[in-house]
Amino acid sequence: MTKYIEDIDADVYVMADGDDTYPADAAPAMVAKILEGYDMVIGDRLSSTYFQENKRPFPNFGNRLVRGSINALFGAHVTDIMTGYRA
């Protein structure tokens, strides 16, 4: 990621997993939030049907554990801490 950011000069970077998990058409809205002044915008798989379609007990448990820890430590309200969709 560091090389990617060093080689490309941009005001905003959008990162997404390459497995078609995230809708590309959401990227402009994410960029708009960055341009409004947000430090980071995080995509959320767990508020859609993804969570029901991908019932994997161990990874889902880990996601909940890490999410709860991060939110408790930093007073955040992140719903999908392990998402690969960020701006």
PDB file of N, CA and C in Angstrom:
ATOM      1  N   MET A   1       0.814  -1.188   0.000  1.00  0.00           N
ATOM      2  CA  MET A   1       0.000   0.000   0.000  1.00  0.00           C
ATOM      3  C   MET A   1       0.862   1.257   0.000  1.00  0.00           C
ATOM      4  N   THR A   2       1.956   1.238   0.715  1.00  0.00           N
ATOM      5  CA  THR A   2       2.801   2.428   0.767  1.00  0.00           C
ATOM      6  C   THR A   2       3.312   2.783  -0.621  1.00  0.00           C
ATOM      7  N   LYS A   3       3.755   1.789  -1.369  1.00  0.00           N
ATOM      8  CA  LYS A   3       4.258   2.019  -2.729  1.00  0.00           C
ATOM      9  C   LYS A   3       3.154   2.587  -3.614  1.00  0.00           C
ATOM     10  N   TYR A   4       1.960   2.036  -3.491  1.00  0.00           N
ATOM     11  CA  TYR A   4       0.799   2.499  -4.261  1.00  0.00           C
ATOM     12  C   TYR A   4       0.547   3.981  -3.999  1.00  0.00           C
ATOM     13  N   ILE A   5       0.559   4.368  -2.753  1.00  0.00           N
ATOM     14  CA  ILE A   5       0.281   5.760  -2.391  1.00  0.00           C
ATOM     15  C   ILE A   5       1.436   6.674  -2.802  1.00  0.00           C
ATOM     16  N   GLU A   6       2.669   6.169  -2.721  1.00  0.00           N
ATOM     17  CA  GLU A   6       3.819   6.974  -3.144  1.00  0.00           C
ATOM     18  C   GLU A   6       3.828   7.219  -4.652  1.00  0.00           C
ATOM     19  N   ASP A   7       3.414   6.219  -5.435  1.00  0.00           N
ATOM     20  CA  ASP A   7       3.496   6.303  -6.897  1.00  0.00           C
ATOM     21  C   ASP A   7       2.343   7.050  -7.543  1.00  0.00           C
ATOM     22  N   ILE A   8       1.229   7.165  -6.868  1.00  0.00           N
ATOM     23  CA  ILE A   8       0.054   7.812  -7.446  1.00  0.00           C
ATOM     24  C   ILE A   8      -0.245   9.082  -6.655  1.00  0.00           C
ATOM     25  N   ASP A   9      -0.222  10.204  -7.345  1.00  0.00           N
ATOM     26  CA  ASP A   9      -0.498  11.486  -6.707  1.00  0.00           C
ATOM     27  C   ASP A   9      -1.991  11.780  -6.821  1.00  0.00           C
ATOM     28  N   ALA A  10      -2.684  11.742  -5.700  1.00  0.00           N
ATOM     29  CA  ALA A  10      -4.130  11.980  -5.706  1.00  0.00           C
ATOM     30  C   ALA A  10      -4.531  12.664  -4.406  1.00  0.00           C
ATOM     31  N   ASP A  11      -5.648  13.352  -4.452  1.00  0.00           N
ATOM     32  CA  ASP A  11      -6.187  13.977  -3.245  1.00  0.00           C
ATOM     33  C   ASP A  11      -6.894  12.957  -2.363  1.00  0.00           C
ATOM     34  N   VAL A  12      -7.489  11.936  -2.987  1.00  0.00           N
ATOM     35  CA  VAL A  12      -8.249  10.911  -2.269  1.00  0.00           C
ATOM     36  C   VAL A  12      -7.901   9.551  -2.860  1.00  0.00           C
ATOM     37  N   TYR A  13      -7.731   8.570  -2.003  1.00  0.00           N
ATOM     38  CA  TYR A  13      -7.488   7.196  -2.430  1.00  0.00           C
ATOM     39  C   TYR A  13      -8.667   6.342  -1.996  1.00  0.00           C
ATOM     40  N   VAL A  14      -9.115   5.458  -2.874  1.00  0.00           N
ATOM     41  CA  VAL A  14     -10.169   4.499  -2.541  1.00  0.00           C
ATOM     42  C   VAL A  14      -9.562   3.113  -2.674  1.00  0.00           C
ATOM     43  N   MET A  15      -9.701   2.312  -1.631  1.00  0.00           N
ATOM     44  CA  MET A  15      -9.189   0.944  -1.643  1.00  0.00           C
ATOM     45  C   MET A  15     -10.362  -0.020  -1.530  1.00  0.00           C
ATOM     46  N   ALA A  16     -10.301  -1.091  -2.320  1.00  0.00           N
ATOM     47  CA  ALA A  16     -11.354  -2.109  -2.277  1.00  0.00           C
ATOM     48  C   ALA A  16     -10.739  -3.472  -2.543  1.00  0.00           C
ATOM     49  N   ASP A  17     -11.297  -4.501  -1.936  1.00  0.00           N
ATOM     50  CA  ASP A  17     -10.879  -5.861  -2.239  1.00  0.00           C
ATOM     51  C   ASP A  17     -11.239  -6.160  -3.688  1.00  0.00           C
ATOM     52  N   GLY A  18     -10.492  -7.028  -4.316  1.00  0.00           N
ATOM     53  CA  GLY A  18     -10.714  -7.341  -5.723  1.00  0.00           C
ATOM     54  C   GLY A  18     -11.660  -8.498  -5.962  1.00  0.00           C
ATOM     55  N   ASP A  19     -12.484  -8.852  -4.990  1.00  0.00           N
ATOM     56  CA  ASP A  19     -13.361 -10.017  -5.144  1.00  0.00           C
ATOM     57  C   ASP A  19     -14.819  -9.646  -5.383  1.00  0.00           C
ATOM     58  N   ASP A  20     -15.068  -8.418  -5.800  1.00  0.00           N
ATOM     59  CA  ASP A  20     -16.423  -7.950  -6.133  1.00  0.00           C
ATOM     60  C   ASP A  20     -17.365  -7.936  -4.922  1.00  0.00           C
ATOM     61  N   THR A  21     -16.797  -7.797  -3.726  1.00  0.00           N
ATOM     62  CA  THR A  21     -17.610  -7.710  -2.514  1.00  0.00           C
ATOM     63  C   THR A  21     -18.315  -6.368  -2.413  1.00  0.00           C
ATOM     64  N   TYR A  22     -17.654  -5.326  -2.899  1.00  0.00           N
ATOM     65  CA  TYR A  22     -18.144  -3.967  -2.703  1.00  0.00           C
ATOM     66  C   TYR A  22     -18.623  -3.352  -4.007  1.00  0.00           C
ATOM     67  N   PRO A  23     -19.712  -2.610  -3.971  1.00  0.00           N
ATOM     68  CA  PRO A  23     -20.214  -1.963  -5.191  1.00  0.00           C
ATOM     69  C   PRO A  23     -19.344  -0.757  -5.564  1.00  0.00           C
ATOM     70  N   ALA A  24     -18.819  -0.765  -6.768  1.00  0.00           N
ATOM     71  CA  ALA A  24     -17.974   0.344  -7.227  1.00  0.00           C
ATOM     72  C   ALA A  24     -18.749   1.653  -7.277  1.00  0.00           C
ATOM     73  N   ASP A  25     -20.054   1.569  -7.478  1.00  0.00           N
ATOM     74  CA  ASP A  25     -20.839   2.804  -7.585  1.00  0.00           C
ATOM     75  C   ASP A  25     -20.966   3.544  -6.252  1.00  0.00           C
ATOM     76  N   ALA A  26     -20.503   2.961  -5.154  1.00  0.00           N
ATOM     77  CA  ALA A  26     -20.504   3.657  -3.862  1.00  0.00           C
ATOM     78  C   ALA A  26     -19.272   4.550  -3.698  1.00  0.00           C
ATOM     79  N   ALA A  27     -18.256   4.355  -4.521  1.00  0.00           N
ATOM     80  CA  ALA A  27     -17.002   5.109  -4.386  1.00  0.00           C
ATOM     81  C   ALA A  27     -17.191   6.629  -4.478  1.00  0.00           C
ATOM     82  N   PRO A  28     -17.975   7.156  -5.431  1.00  0.00           N
ATOM     83  CA  PRO A  28     -18.134   8.618  -5.475  1.00  0.00           C
ATOM     84  C   PRO A  28     -18.713   9.211  -4.181  1.00  0.00           C
ATOM     85  N   ALA A  29     -19.629   8.512  -3.550  1.00  0.00           N
ATOM     86  CA  ALA A  29     -20.194   9.004  -2.285  1.00  0.00           C
ATOM     87  C   ALA A  29     -19.143   8.975  -1.177  1.00  0.00           C
ATOM     88  N   MET A  30     -18.287   7.963  -1.195  1.00  0.00           N
ATOM     89  CA  MET A  30     -17.217   7.883  -0.206  1.00  0.00           C
ATOM     90  C   MET A  30     -16.226   9.029  -0.407  1.00  0.00           C
ATOM     91  N   VAL A  31     -15.857   9.282  -1.654  1.00  0.00           N
ATOM     92  CA  VAL A  31     -14.937  10.379  -1.970  1.00  0.00           C
ATOM     93  C   VAL A  31     -15.549  11.713  -1.556  1.00  0.00           C
ATOM     94  N   ALA A  32     -16.837  11.885  -1.793  1.00  0.00           N
ATOM     95  CA  ALA A  32     -17.515  13.138  -1.425  1.00  0.00           C
ATOM     96  C   ALA A  32     -17.393  13.403   0.073  1.00  0.00           C
ATOM     97  N   LYS A  33     -17.503  12.361   0.882  1.00  0.00           N
ATOM     98  CA  LYS A  33     -17.376  12.534   2.340  1.00  0.00           C
ATOM     99  C   LYS A  33     -15.959  12.963   2.723  1.00  0.00           C
ATOM    100  N   ILE A  34     -14.963  12.409   2.045  1.00  0.00           N
ATOM    101  CA  ILE A  34     -13.581  12.825   2.300  1.00  0.00           C
ATOM    102  C   ILE A  34     -13.412  14.302   1.945  1.00  0.00           C
ATOM    103  N   LEU A  35     -13.963  14.698   0.810  1.00  0.00           N
ATOM    104  CA  LEU A  35     -13.854  16.095   0.377  1.00  0.00           C
ATOM    105  C   LEU A  35     -14.625  17.044   1.292  1.00  0.00           C
ATOM    106  N   GLU A  36     -15.610  16.507   2.035  1.00  0.00           N
ATOM    107  CA  GLU A  36     -16.333  17.310   3.031  1.00  0.00           C
ATOM    108  C   GLU A  36     -15.507  17.510   4.299  1.00  0.00           C
ATOM    109  N   GLY A  37     -14.437  16.725   4.453  1.00  0.00           N
ATOM    110  CA  GLY A  37     -13.582  16.896   5.615  1.00  0.00           C
ATOM    111  C   GLY A  37     -13.415  15.678   6.507  1.00  0.00           C
ATOM    112  N   TYR A  38     -14.083  14.581   6.177  1.00  0.00           N
ATOM    113  CA  TYR A  38     -13.901  13.366   6.970  1.00  0.00           C
ATOM    114  C   TYR A  38     -12.489  12.827   6.751  1.00  0.00           C
ATOM    115  N   ASP A  39     -11.885  12.260   7.791  1.00  0.00           N
ATOM    116  CA  ASP A  39     -10.541  11.691   7.672  1.00  0.00           C
ATOM    117  C   ASP A  39     -10.546  10.375   6.914  1.00  0.00           C
ATOM    118  N   MET A  40     -11.571   9.566   7.145  1.00  0.00           N
ATOM    119  CA  MET A  40     -11.659   8.263   6.500  1.00  0.00           C
ATOM    120  C   MET A  40     -13.124   7.861   6.391  1.00  0.00           C
ATOM    121  N   VAL A  41     -13.453   7.162   5.320  1.00  0.00           N
ATOM    122  CA  VAL A  41     -14.793   6.606   5.136  1.00  0.00           C
ATOM    123  C   VAL A  41     -14.616   5.101   5.006  1.00  0.00           C
ATOM    124  N   ILE A  42     -15.408   4.348   5.754  1.00  0.00           N
ATOM    125  CA  ILE A  42     -15.272   2.897   5.807  1.00  0.00           C
ATOM    126  C   ILE A  42     -16.530   2.246   5.260  1.00  0.00           C
ATOM    127  N   GLY A  43     -16.361   1.372   4.256  1.00  0.00           N
ATOM    128  CA  GLY A  43     -17.488   0.608   3.724  1.00  0.00           C
ATOM    129  C   GLY A  43     -17.972  -0.407   4.751  1.00  0.00           C
ATOM    130  N   ASP A  44     -19.187  -0.869   4.606  1.00  0.00           N
ATOM    131  CA  ASP A  44     -19.792  -1.763   5.598  1.00  0.00           C
ATOM    132  C   ASP A  44     -20.497  -2.921   4.907  1.00  0.00           C
ATOM    133  N   ARG A  45     -19.923  -4.112   5.021  1.00  0.00           N
ATOM    134  CA  ARG A  45     -20.545  -5.313   4.445  1.00  0.00           C
ATOM    135  C   ARG A  45     -21.639  -5.869   5.341  1.00  0.00           C
ATOM    136  N   LEU A  46     -21.551  -5.600   6.624  1.00  0.00           N
ATOM    137  CA  LEU A  46     -22.387  -6.302   7.589  1.00  0.00           C
ATOM    138  C   LEU A  46     -23.795  -5.747   7.723  1.00  0.00           C
ATOM    139  N   SER A  47     -24.057  -4.582   7.149  1.00  0.00           N
ATOM    140  CA  SER A  47     -25.404  -4.015   7.200  1.00  0.00           C
ATOM    141  C   SER A  47     -26.240  -4.424   5.996  1.00  0.00           C
ATOM    142  N   SER A  48     -25.645  -5.197   5.099  1.00  0.00           N
ATOM    143  CA  SER A  48     -26.370  -5.657   3.909  1.00  0.00           C
ATOM    144  C   SER A  48     -26.615  -7.155   4.045  1.00  0.00           C
ATOM    145  N   THR A  49     -26.868  -7.817   2.948  1.00  0.00           N
ATOM    146  CA  THR A  49     -27.119  -9.261   2.972  1.00  0.00           C
ATOM    147  C   THR A  49     -25.831 -10.070   3.037  1.00  0.00           C
ATOM    148  N   TYR A  50     -24.682  -9.412   2.935  1.00  0.00           N
ATOM    149  CA  TYR A  50     -23.396 -10.119   2.948  1.00  0.00           C
ATOM    150  C   TYR A  50     -23.259 -11.008   4.182  1.00  0.00           C
ATOM    151  N   PHE A  51     -23.618 -10.475   5.344  1.00  0.00           N
ATOM    152  CA  PHE A  51     -23.465 -11.215   6.597  1.00  0.00           C
ATOM    153  C   PHE A  51     -24.292 -12.499   6.586  1.00  0.00           C
ATOM    154  N   GLN A  52     -25.530 -12.432   6.089  1.00  0.00           N
ATOM    155  CA  GLN A  52     -26.376 -13.621   6.040  1.00  0.00           C
ATOM    156  C   GLN A  52     -25.883 -14.612   4.983  1.00  0.00           C
ATOM    157  N   GLU A  53     -25.344 -14.098   3.882  1.00  0.00           N
ATOM    158  CA  GLU A  53     -24.892 -14.960   2.792  1.00  0.00           C
ATOM    159  C   GLU A  53     -23.557 -15.625   3.092  1.00  0.00           C
ATOM    160  N   ASN A  54     -22.804 -15.098   4.011  1.00  0.00           N
ATOM    161  CA  ASN A  54     -21.466 -15.604   4.320  1.00  0.00           C
ATOM    162  C   ASN A  54     -21.375 -15.986   5.787  1.00  0.00           C
ATOM    163  N   LYS A  55     -22.154 -16.957   6.175  1.00  0.00           N
ATOM    164  CA  LYS A  55     -22.174 -17.394   7.569  1.00  0.00           C
ATOM    165  C   LYS A  55     -20.939 -18.255   7.837  1.00  0.00           C
ATOM    166  N   ARG A  56     -19.941 -17.626   8.423  1.00  0.00           N
ATOM    167  CA  ARG A  56     -18.704 -18.309   8.781  1.00  0.00           C
ATOM    168  C   ARG A  56     -18.461 -18.021  10.253  1.00  0.00           C
ATOM    169  N   PRO A  57     -18.754 -18.978  11.114  1.00  0.00           N
ATOM    170  CA  PRO A  57     -18.726 -18.721  12.554  1.00  0.00           C
ATOM    171  C   PRO A  57     -17.413 -18.126  13.072  1.00  0.00           C
ATOM    172  N   PHE A  58     -16.274 -18.706  12.733  1.00  0.00           N
ATOM    173  CA  PHE A  58     -15.021 -18.215  13.306  1.00  0.00           C
ATOM    174  C   PHE A  58     -14.660 -16.816  12.809  1.00  0.00           C
ATOM    175  N   PRO A  59     -14.641 -16.559  11.486  1.00  0.00           N
ATOM    176  CA  PRO A  59     -14.336 -15.183  11.047  1.00  0.00           C
ATOM    177  C   PRO A  59     -15.344 -14.155  11.557  1.00  0.00           C
ATOM    178  N   ASN A  60     -16.609 -14.515  11.598  1.00  0.00           N
ATOM    179  CA  ASN A  60     -17.615 -13.566  12.086  1.00  0.00           C
ATOM    180  C   ASN A  60     -17.419 -13.278  13.574  1.00  0.00           C
ATOM    181  N   PHE A  61     -17.052 -14.303  14.343  1.00  0.00           N
ATOM    182  CA  PHE A  61     -16.751 -14.103  15.763  1.00  0.00           C
ATOM    183  C   PHE A  61     -15.553 -13.164  15.918  1.00  0.00           C
ATOM    184  N   GLY A  62     -14.503 -13.413  15.132  1.00  0.00           N
ATOM    185  CA  GLY A  62     -13.311 -12.570  15.187  1.00  0.00           C
ATOM    186  C   GLY A  62     -13.614 -11.130  14.819  1.00  0.00           C
ATOM    187  N   ASN A  63     -14.455 -10.941  13.804  1.00  0.00           N
ATOM    188  CA  ASN A  63     -14.832  -9.596  13.382  1.00  0.00           C
ATOM    189  C   ASN A  63     -15.555  -8.880  14.520  1.00  0.00           C
ATOM    190  N   ARG A  64     -16.481  -9.577  15.174  1.00  0.00           N
ATOM    191  CA  ARG A  64     -17.210  -8.968  16.294  1.00  0.00           C
ATOM    192  C   ARG A  64     -16.268  -8.635  17.455  1.00  0.00           C
ATOM    193  N   LEU A  65     -15.325  -9.529  17.736  1.00  0.00           N
ATOM    194  CA  LEU A  65     -14.380  -9.315  18.833  1.00  0.00           C
ATOM    195  C   LEU A  65     -13.488  -8.096  18.570  1.00  0.00           C
ATOM    196  N   VAL A  66     -12.915  -8.024  17.388  1.00  0.00           N
ATOM    197  CA  VAL A  66     -12.042  -6.894  17.047  1.00  0.00           C
ATOM    198  C   VAL A  66     -12.850  -5.603  16.984  1.00  0.00           C
ATOM    199  N   ARG A  67     -14.028  -5.661  16.365  1.00  0.00           N
ATOM    200  CA  ARG A  67     -14.888  -4.470  16.265  1.00  0.00           C
ATOM    201  C   ARG A  67     -15.226  -3.938  17.653  1.00  0.00           C
ATOM    202  N   GLY A  68     -15.628  -4.825  18.545  1.00  0.00           N
ATOM    203  CA  GLY A  68     -15.976  -4.407  19.904  1.00  0.00           C
ATOM    204  C   GLY A  68     -14.789  -3.796  20.635  1.00  0.00           C
ATOM    205  N   SER A  69     -13.622  -4.391  20.460  1.00  0.00           N
ATOM    206  CA  SER A  69     -12.415  -3.876  21.113  1.00  0.00           C
ATOM    207  C   SER A  69     -12.048  -2.491  20.596  1.00  0.00           C
ATOM    208  N   ILE A  70     -12.033  -2.326  19.282  1.00  0.00           N
ATOM    209  CA  ILE A  70     -11.686  -1.022  18.681  1.00  0.00           C
ATOM    210  C   ILE A  70     -12.694   0.041  19.107  1.00  0.00           C
ATOM    211  N   ASN A  71     -13.971  -0.289  19.023  1.00  0.00           N
ATOM    212  CA  ASN A  71     -14.997   0.685  19.398  1.00  0.00           C
ATOM    213  C   ASN A  71     -14.895   1.067  20.872  1.00  0.00           C
ATOM    214  N   ALA A  72     -14.614   0.093  21.737  1.00  0.00           N
ATOM    215  CA  ALA A  72     -14.490   0.382  23.166  1.00  0.00           C
ATOM    216  C   ALA A  72     -13.243   1.214  23.465  1.00  0.00           C
ATOM    217  N   LEU A  73     -12.131   0.863  22.847  1.00  0.00           N
ATOM    218  CA  LEU A  73     -10.880   1.575  23.103  1.00  0.00           C
ATOM    219  C   LEU A  73     -10.888   3.013  22.599  1.00  0.00           C
ATOM    220  N   PHE A  74     -11.528   3.225  21.455  1.00  0.00           N
ATOM    221  CA  PHE A  74     -11.455   4.543  20.819  1.00  0.00           C
ATOM    222  C   PHE A  74     -12.774   5.304  20.814  1.00  0.00           C
ATOM    223  N   GLY A  75     -13.802   4.756  21.451  1.00  0.00           N
ATOM    224  CA  GLY A  75     -15.097   5.427  21.472  1.00  0.00           C
ATOM    225  C   GLY A  75     -15.693   5.573  20.084  1.00  0.00           C
ATOM    226  N   ALA A  76     -15.385   4.619  19.223  1.00  0.00           N
ATOM    227  CA  ALA A  76     -15.855   4.666  17.830  1.00  0.00           C
ATOM    228  C   ALA A  76     -17.171   3.915  17.691  1.00  0.00           C
ATOM    229  N   HIS A  77     -17.748   3.989  16.518  1.00  0.00           N
ATOM    230  CA  HIS A  77     -18.992   3.277  16.211  1.00  0.00           C
ATOM    231  C   HIS A  77     -18.862   2.602  14.848  1.00  0.00           C
ATOM    232  N   VAL A  78     -17.728   1.935  14.631  1.00  0.00           N
ATOM    233  CA  VAL A  78     -17.468   1.263  13.363  1.00  0.00           C
ATOM    234  C   VAL A  78     -18.221  -0.058  13.355  1.00  0.00           C
ATOM    235  N   THR A  79     -18.973  -0.322  12.288  1.00  0.00           N
ATOM    236  CA  THR A  79     -19.757  -1.555  12.224  1.00  0.00           C
ATOM    237  C   THR A  79     -19.021  -2.691  11.530  1.00  0.00           C
ATOM    238  N   ASP A  80     -18.068  -2.386  10.651  1.00  0.00           N
ATOM    239  CA  ASP A  80     -17.335  -3.433   9.928  1.00  0.00           C
ATOM    240  C   ASP A  80     -15.855  -3.071   9.899  1.00  0.00           C
ATOM    241  N   ILE A  81     -15.170  -3.357  10.987  1.00  0.00           N
ATOM    242  CA  ILE A  81     -13.777  -2.954  11.154  1.00  0.00           C
ATOM    243  C   ILE A  81     -12.850  -3.660  10.172  1.00  0.00           C
ATOM    244  N   MET A  82     -13.215  -4.839   9.688  1.00  0.00           N
ATOM    245  CA  MET A  82     -12.347  -5.613   8.803  1.00  0.00           C
ATOM    246  C   MET A  82     -12.641  -5.382   7.322  1.00  0.00           C
ATOM    247  N   THR A  83     -13.455  -4.417   7.004  1.00  0.00           N
ATOM    248  CA  THR A  83     -13.804  -4.161   5.612  1.00  0.00           C
ATOM    249  C   THR A  83     -12.577  -3.793   4.781  1.00  0.00           C
ATOM    250  N   GLY A  84     -12.623  -4.143   3.524  1.00  0.00           N
ATOM    251  CA  GLY A  84     -11.556  -3.777   2.606  1.00  0.00           C
ATOM    252  C   GLY A  84     -11.930  -2.600   1.729  1.00  0.00           C
ATOM    253  N   TYR A  85     -13.008  -1.902   2.076  1.00  0.00           N
ATOM    254  CA  TYR A  85     -13.487  -0.771   1.266  1.00  0.00           C
ATOM    255  C   TYR A  85     -13.322   0.500   2.077  1.00  0.00           C
ATOM    256  N   ARG A  86     -12.339   1.306   1.715  1.00  0.00           N
ATOM    257  CA  ARG A  86     -12.033   2.517   2.471  1.00  0.00           C
ATOM    258  C   ARG A  86     -11.641   3.652   1.539  1.00  0.00           C
ATOM    259  N   ALA A  87     -11.937   4.850   1.972  1.00  0.00           N
ATOM    260  CA  ALA A  87     -11.469   6.047   1.262  1.00  0.00           C
ATOM    261  C   ALA A  87     -10.821   6.951   2.288  1.00  0.00           C
TER     262      ALA A  87
END
